[in-house]
Amino acid sequence: MKTLRAHPLHLFAGPLLWAIWYVVLYSGQALGCETAPPPANAGVWTWLNGLLLLHTLVFAVVLLYLTWLAHRSTPAESGNGRFILKVSTGVYLVATIAVLAIGLQSVIYLPCV
C-alpha cells in the first residue's frame, strides 16, 4: 500500500490545493458567465454549475484521499514524523471540508446573477 513520507510540505499542501481550487472555481465561473452565460430561467442545473460541481468533487476526493493517506501513514512511535503527519491529517481534512462547504453552493445559487 502507498504511504506518505513525513515531509513538511504536507503541512501546507492542503491549503495550497484549496487555494488553487478556489482560484480555478471562481475564474472558471467568471469566464463561463462572460463567454456563454446559461439562460437565467434554467435554474441552478446548468452546464456551468455542473462543471463547477464536478471540479469541486474531484478536488474533494483528492484531498480526502490525502487525508486518509496521511492518517494511515502516521507512525506509532513519537517524533517529528508523527507530528507532521498528524497535523497534516487535520489540515487536509479542514481543506476538504472547506472545498465542500464552498463548492456545494454551486447547486444552490444561480451561476451568473
N, C-alpha and C. Protein backbone atom coordinates (compact mmCIF):
# COMPACT_ATOMS: atom_id res chain seq x y z
N MET A 1 0.83 -1.19 0.00
CA MET A 1 0.00 0.00 0.00
C MET A 1 0.88 1.25 0.00
N LYS A 2 0.33 2.28 -0.51
CA LYS A 2 1.05 3.54 -0.61
C LYS A 2 1.03 4.27 0.73
N THR A 3 2.15 4.89 1.05
CA THR A 3 2.24 5.69 2.29
C THR A 3 2.88 7.03 1.97
N LEU A 4 2.69 7.97 2.86
CA LEU A 4 3.30 9.29 2.73
C LEU A 4 4.55 9.36 3.59
N ARG A 5 5.55 10.03 3.07
CA ARG A 5 6.72 10.32 3.90
C ARG A 5 6.41 11.54 4.74
N ALA A 6 6.97 11.60 5.91
CA ALA A 6 6.78 12.76 6.78
C ALA A 6 7.63 13.90 6.27
N HIS A 7 7.04 14.73 5.43
CA HIS A 7 7.74 15.87 4.85
C HIS A 7 6.97 17.14 5.21
N PRO A 8 7.67 18.22 5.52
CA PRO A 8 6.97 19.46 5.90
C PRO A 8 6.06 20.02 4.81
N LEU A 9 6.24 19.58 3.59
CA LEU A 9 5.37 20.02 2.50
C LEU A 9 3.90 19.70 2.80
N HIS A 10 3.67 18.62 3.50
CA HIS A 10 2.29 18.23 3.79
C HIS A 10 1.60 19.21 4.74
N LEU A 11 2.36 19.99 5.46
CA LEU A 11 1.76 20.95 6.39
C LEU A 11 1.05 22.09 5.67
N PHE A 12 1.47 22.40 4.45
CA PHE A 12 0.78 23.47 3.73
C PHE A 12 0.25 23.03 2.37
N ALA A 13 0.34 21.75 2.05
CA ALA A 13 -0.18 21.27 0.76
C ALA A 13 -1.70 21.34 0.72
N GLY A 14 -2.39 21.07 1.81
CA GLY A 14 -3.85 21.16 1.85
C GLY A 14 -4.36 22.56 1.57
N PRO A 15 -3.88 23.57 2.29
CA PRO A 15 -4.31 24.93 1.98
C PRO A 15 -3.89 25.39 0.58
N LEU A 16 -2.75 24.91 0.11
CA LEU A 16 -2.31 25.25 -1.24
C LEU A 16 -3.26 24.67 -2.29
N LEU A 17 -3.64 23.40 -2.12
CA LEU A 17 -4.60 22.79 -3.03
C LEU A 17 -5.96 23.49 -2.95
N TRP A 18 -6.37 23.88 -1.74
CA TRP A 18 -7.62 24.62 -1.58
C TRP A 18 -7.55 25.95 -2.33
N ALA A 19 -6.43 26.66 -2.22
CA ALA A 19 -6.29 27.96 -2.88
C ALA A 19 -6.33 27.80 -4.40
N ILE A 20 -5.68 26.77 -4.92
CA ILE A 20 -5.72 26.51 -6.36
C ILE A 20 -7.16 26.21 -6.79
N TRP A 21 -7.84 25.38 -6.02
CA TRP A 21 -9.24 25.06 -6.33
C TRP A 21 -10.09 26.33 -6.32
N TYR A 22 -9.90 27.17 -5.33
CA TYR A 22 -10.69 28.40 -5.18
C TYR A 22 -10.50 29.34 -6.37
N VAL A 23 -9.26 29.54 -6.76
CA VAL A 23 -8.96 30.44 -7.89
C VAL A 23 -9.55 29.89 -9.19
N VAL A 24 -9.37 28.59 -9.41
CA VAL A 24 -9.90 27.98 -10.63
C VAL A 24 -11.43 28.00 -10.62
N LEU A 25 -12.05 27.76 -9.48
CA LEU A 25 -13.51 27.76 -9.39
C LEU A 25 -14.08 29.12 -9.80
N TYR A 26 -13.61 30.17 -9.17
CA TYR A 26 -14.21 31.48 -9.44
C TYR A 26 -13.73 32.08 -10.75
N SER A 27 -12.54 31.73 -11.19
CA SER A 27 -12.10 32.18 -12.52
C SER A 27 -12.93 31.47 -13.59
N GLY A 28 -13.15 30.18 -13.39
CA GLY A 28 -13.98 29.43 -14.34
C GLY A 28 -15.40 29.94 -14.39
N GLN A 29 -15.93 30.28 -13.23
CA GLN A 29 -17.29 30.82 -13.21
C GLN A 29 -17.36 32.17 -13.92
N ALA A 30 -16.38 33.02 -13.68
CA ALA A 30 -16.37 34.32 -14.34
C ALA A 30 -16.22 34.18 -15.85
N LEU A 31 -15.32 33.31 -16.28
CA LEU A 31 -15.14 33.11 -17.71
C LEU A 31 -16.37 32.47 -18.35
N GLY A 32 -16.97 31.52 -17.66
CA GLY A 32 -18.18 30.89 -18.18
C GLY A 32 -19.33 31.87 -18.30
N CYS A 33 -19.49 32.73 -17.31
CA CYS A 33 -20.56 33.73 -17.35
C CYS A 33 -20.29 34.80 -18.41
N GLU A 34 -19.03 35.07 -18.68
CA GLU A 34 -18.68 36.08 -19.66
C GLU A 34 -18.83 35.56 -21.09
N THR A 35 -18.39 34.34 -21.34
CA THR A 35 -18.38 33.83 -22.71
C THR A 35 -19.69 33.19 -23.14
N ALA A 36 -20.28 32.36 -22.31
CA ALA A 36 -21.52 31.67 -22.68
C ALA A 36 -22.41 31.52 -21.46
N PRO A 37 -23.04 32.61 -21.03
CA PRO A 37 -23.86 32.51 -19.82
C PRO A 37 -25.09 31.62 -20.05
N PRO A 38 -25.40 30.77 -19.09
CA PRO A 38 -26.61 29.96 -19.23
C PRO A 38 -27.85 30.83 -19.08
N PRO A 39 -28.96 30.42 -19.65
CA PRO A 39 -30.18 31.23 -19.52
C PRO A 39 -30.60 31.37 -18.06
N ALA A 40 -31.12 32.53 -17.73
CA ALA A 40 -31.48 32.82 -16.34
C ALA A 40 -32.64 31.95 -15.86
N ASN A 41 -33.51 31.53 -16.77
CA ASN A 41 -34.67 30.73 -16.36
C ASN A 41 -34.34 29.24 -16.26
N ALA A 42 -33.08 28.86 -16.47
CA ALA A 42 -32.68 27.45 -16.41
C ALA A 42 -32.54 26.95 -14.98
N GLY A 43 -32.51 27.84 -14.02
CA GLY A 43 -32.35 27.43 -12.63
C GLY A 43 -30.90 27.13 -12.30
N VAL A 44 -30.69 26.32 -11.28
CA VAL A 44 -29.32 26.04 -10.85
C VAL A 44 -28.71 24.87 -11.61
N TRP A 45 -29.50 24.05 -12.29
CA TRP A 45 -28.96 22.88 -13.00
C TRP A 45 -28.56 23.27 -14.41
N THR A 46 -27.46 24.00 -14.51
CA THR A 46 -26.93 24.43 -15.80
C THR A 46 -25.60 23.74 -16.06
N TRP A 47 -25.11 23.88 -17.27
CA TRP A 47 -23.82 23.26 -17.61
C TRP A 47 -22.70 23.85 -16.77
N LEU A 48 -22.79 25.14 -16.48
CA LEU A 48 -21.74 25.80 -15.70
C LEU A 48 -21.72 25.30 -14.26
N ASN A 49 -22.88 25.21 -13.64
CA ASN A 49 -22.93 24.68 -12.27
C ASN A 49 -22.51 23.22 -12.23
N GLY A 50 -22.85 22.47 -13.26
CA GLY A 50 -22.42 21.08 -13.31
C GLY A 50 -20.92 20.95 -13.39
N LEU A 51 -20.30 21.81 -14.19
CA LEU A 51 -18.84 21.81 -14.31
C LEU A 51 -18.18 22.24 -12.99
N LEU A 52 -18.74 23.24 -12.34
CA LEU A 52 -18.20 23.69 -11.06
C LEU A 52 -18.35 22.61 -9.99
N LEU A 53 -19.47 21.90 -10.01
CA LEU A 53 -19.69 20.82 -9.06
C LEU A 53 -18.71 19.66 -9.31
N LEU A 54 -18.50 19.33 -10.58
CA LEU A 54 -17.55 18.27 -10.91
C LEU A 54 -16.14 18.65 -10.47
N HIS A 55 -15.76 19.89 -10.71
CA HIS A 55 -14.45 20.41 -10.29
C HIS A 55 -14.31 20.30 -8.76
N THR A 56 -15.36 20.65 -8.05
CA THR A 56 -15.36 20.57 -6.59
C THR A 56 -15.21 19.14 -6.11
N LEU A 57 -15.96 18.24 -6.71
CA LEU A 57 -15.91 16.84 -6.28
C LEU A 57 -14.56 16.20 -6.56
N VAL A 58 -13.93 16.55 -7.67
CA VAL A 58 -12.60 16.00 -7.98
C VAL A 58 -11.59 16.45 -6.93
N PHE A 59 -11.59 17.73 -6.61
CA PHE A 59 -10.65 18.23 -5.60
C PHE A 59 -10.97 17.66 -4.22
N ALA A 60 -12.25 17.50 -3.90
CA ALA A 60 -12.62 16.95 -2.60
C ALA A 60 -12.15 15.50 -2.47
N VAL A 61 -12.28 14.74 -3.54
CA VAL A 61 -11.83 13.34 -3.50
C VAL A 61 -10.31 13.27 -3.34
N VAL A 62 -9.59 14.12 -4.05
CA VAL A 62 -8.12 14.14 -3.93
C VAL A 62 -7.71 14.52 -2.51
N LEU A 63 -8.33 15.55 -1.95
CA LEU A 63 -8.00 15.97 -0.59
C LEU A 63 -8.40 14.92 0.44
N LEU A 64 -9.53 14.27 0.23
CA LEU A 64 -9.94 13.21 1.15
C LEU A 64 -8.99 12.02 1.07
N TYR A 65 -8.51 11.71 -0.11
CA TYR A 65 -7.52 10.64 -0.26
C TYR A 65 -6.23 10.99 0.46
N LEU A 66 -5.78 12.24 0.33
CA LEU A 66 -4.58 12.68 1.03
C LEU A 66 -4.78 12.66 2.55
N THR A 67 -5.98 12.99 3.00
CA THR A 67 -6.29 12.91 4.43
C THR A 67 -6.15 11.48 4.92
N TRP A 68 -6.77 10.56 4.20
CA TRP A 68 -6.71 9.16 4.58
C TRP A 68 -5.28 8.63 4.54
N LEU A 69 -4.55 9.02 3.49
CA LEU A 69 -3.17 8.55 3.34
C LEU A 69 -2.28 9.07 4.47
N ALA A 70 -2.44 10.34 4.82
CA ALA A 70 -1.64 10.91 5.92
C ALA A 70 -1.99 10.23 7.24
N HIS A 71 -3.26 9.98 7.46
CA HIS A 71 -3.67 9.31 8.70
C HIS A 71 -3.11 7.89 8.77
N ARG A 72 -3.20 7.17 7.67
CA ARG A 72 -2.73 5.79 7.63
C ARG A 72 -1.21 5.68 7.71
N SER A 73 -0.51 6.72 7.26
CA SER A 73 0.96 6.69 7.23
C SER A 73 1.60 7.15 8.53
N THR A 74 0.81 7.61 9.48
CA THR A 74 1.35 8.11 10.73
C THR A 74 2.01 6.97 11.51
N PRO A 75 3.30 7.14 11.85
CA PRO A 75 3.98 6.08 12.60
C PRO A 75 3.48 5.99 14.04
N ALA A 76 3.68 4.83 14.63
CA ALA A 76 3.22 4.62 16.02
C ALA A 76 4.13 5.31 17.03
N GLU A 77 5.43 5.37 16.74
CA GLU A 77 6.36 5.99 17.70
C GLU A 77 6.31 7.51 17.57
N SER A 78 6.57 8.18 18.68
CA SER A 78 6.53 9.65 18.67
C SER A 78 7.79 10.19 18.00
N GLY A 79 7.67 11.41 17.54
CA GLY A 79 8.78 12.07 16.87
C GLY A 79 8.27 13.09 15.87
N ASN A 80 9.19 13.66 15.12
CA ASN A 80 8.82 14.68 14.14
C ASN A 80 7.90 14.13 13.06
N GLY A 81 8.19 12.92 12.59
CA GLY A 81 7.37 12.32 11.54
C GLY A 81 5.92 12.14 11.97
N ARG A 82 5.72 11.70 13.18
CA ARG A 82 4.37 11.52 13.71
C ARG A 82 3.66 12.87 13.81
N PHE A 83 4.36 13.87 14.32
CA PHE A 83 3.77 15.21 14.44
C PHE A 83 3.36 15.76 13.08
N ILE A 84 4.25 15.68 12.11
CA ILE A 84 3.97 16.22 10.79
C ILE A 84 2.77 15.53 10.16
N LEU A 85 2.71 14.22 10.23
CA LEU A 85 1.61 13.51 9.60
C LEU A 85 0.29 13.66 10.36
N LYS A 86 0.34 13.77 11.68
CA LYS A 86 -0.89 14.01 12.45
C LYS A 86 -1.47 15.39 12.14
N VAL A 87 -0.61 16.40 12.12
CA VAL A 87 -1.08 17.74 11.80
C VAL A 87 -1.55 17.80 10.35
N SER A 88 -0.83 17.15 9.45
CA SER A 88 -1.22 17.13 8.04
C SER A 88 -2.58 16.49 7.83
N THR A 89 -2.87 15.46 8.61
CA THR A 89 -4.19 14.83 8.52
C THR A 89 -5.29 15.85 8.81
N GLY A 90 -5.11 16.61 9.87
CA GLY A 90 -6.09 17.65 10.21
C GLY A 90 -6.17 18.75 9.18
N VAL A 91 -5.03 19.16 8.66
CA VAL A 91 -5.00 20.23 7.66
C VAL A 91 -5.68 19.78 6.37
N TYR A 92 -5.40 18.57 5.94
CA TYR A 92 -6.06 18.04 4.74
C TYR A 92 -7.57 17.92 4.96
N LEU A 93 -7.97 17.50 6.14
CA LEU A 93 -9.40 17.37 6.43
C LEU A 93 -10.10 18.72 6.44
N VAL A 94 -9.47 19.73 7.02
CA VAL A 94 -10.06 21.08 7.02
C VAL A 94 -10.16 21.62 5.59
N ALA A 95 -9.15 21.37 4.77
CA ALA A 95 -9.19 21.81 3.37
C ALA A 95 -10.31 21.09 2.62
N THR A 96 -10.52 19.82 2.91
CA THR A 96 -11.60 19.07 2.26
C THR A 96 -12.96 19.63 2.65
N ILE A 97 -13.14 19.92 3.93
CA ILE A 97 -14.40 20.48 4.39
C ILE A 97 -14.63 21.86 3.77
N ALA A 98 -13.59 22.66 3.66
CA ALA A 98 -13.71 23.99 3.05
C ALA A 98 -14.10 23.89 1.58
N VAL A 99 -13.49 22.95 0.86
CA VAL A 99 -13.83 22.76 -0.56
C VAL A 99 -15.30 22.37 -0.69
N LEU A 100 -15.76 21.44 0.12
CA LEU A 100 -17.15 21.01 0.03
C LEU A 100 -18.12 22.09 0.48
N ALA A 101 -17.78 22.81 1.53
CA ALA A 101 -18.68 23.84 2.05
C ALA A 101 -18.87 24.98 1.05
N ILE A 102 -17.82 25.34 0.36
CA ILE A 102 -17.91 26.43 -0.62
C ILE A 102 -18.41 25.91 -1.95
N GLY A 103 -17.91 24.76 -2.37
CA GLY A 103 -18.22 24.24 -3.69
C GLY A 103 -19.63 23.73 -3.86
N LEU A 104 -20.22 23.18 -2.80
CA LEU A 104 -21.58 22.67 -2.92
C LEU A 104 -22.62 23.77 -3.02
N GLN A 105 -22.20 25.00 -2.83
CA GLN A 105 -23.12 26.13 -3.02
C GLN A 105 -23.46 26.31 -4.50
N SER A 106 -22.69 25.66 -5.38
CA SER A 106 -22.97 25.78 -6.81
C SER A 106 -24.28 25.08 -7.18
N VAL A 107 -24.79 24.21 -6.32
CA VAL A 107 -26.09 23.60 -6.59
C VAL A 107 -27.21 24.33 -5.86
N ILE A 108 -26.88 25.43 -5.23
CA ILE A 108 -27.90 26.23 -4.53
C ILE A 108 -28.16 27.55 -5.26
N TYR A 109 -27.10 28.19 -5.73
CA TYR A 109 -27.22 29.53 -6.30
C TYR A 109 -27.10 29.52 -7.82
N LEU A 110 -27.73 30.47 -8.45
CA LEU A 110 -27.60 30.65 -9.90
C LEU A 110 -26.16 31.09 -10.21
N PRO A 111 -25.57 30.63 -11.30
CA PRO A 111 -24.16 30.93 -11.54
C PRO A 111 -23.88 32.37 -11.98
N CYS A 112 -24.75 32.96 -12.74
CA CYS A 112 -24.47 34.28 -13.33
C CYS A 112 -25.54 35.28 -12.97
N VAL A 113 -25.54 35.72 -11.73
CA VAL A 113 -26.55 36.69 -11.30
C VAL A 113 -25.92 38.04 -11.16
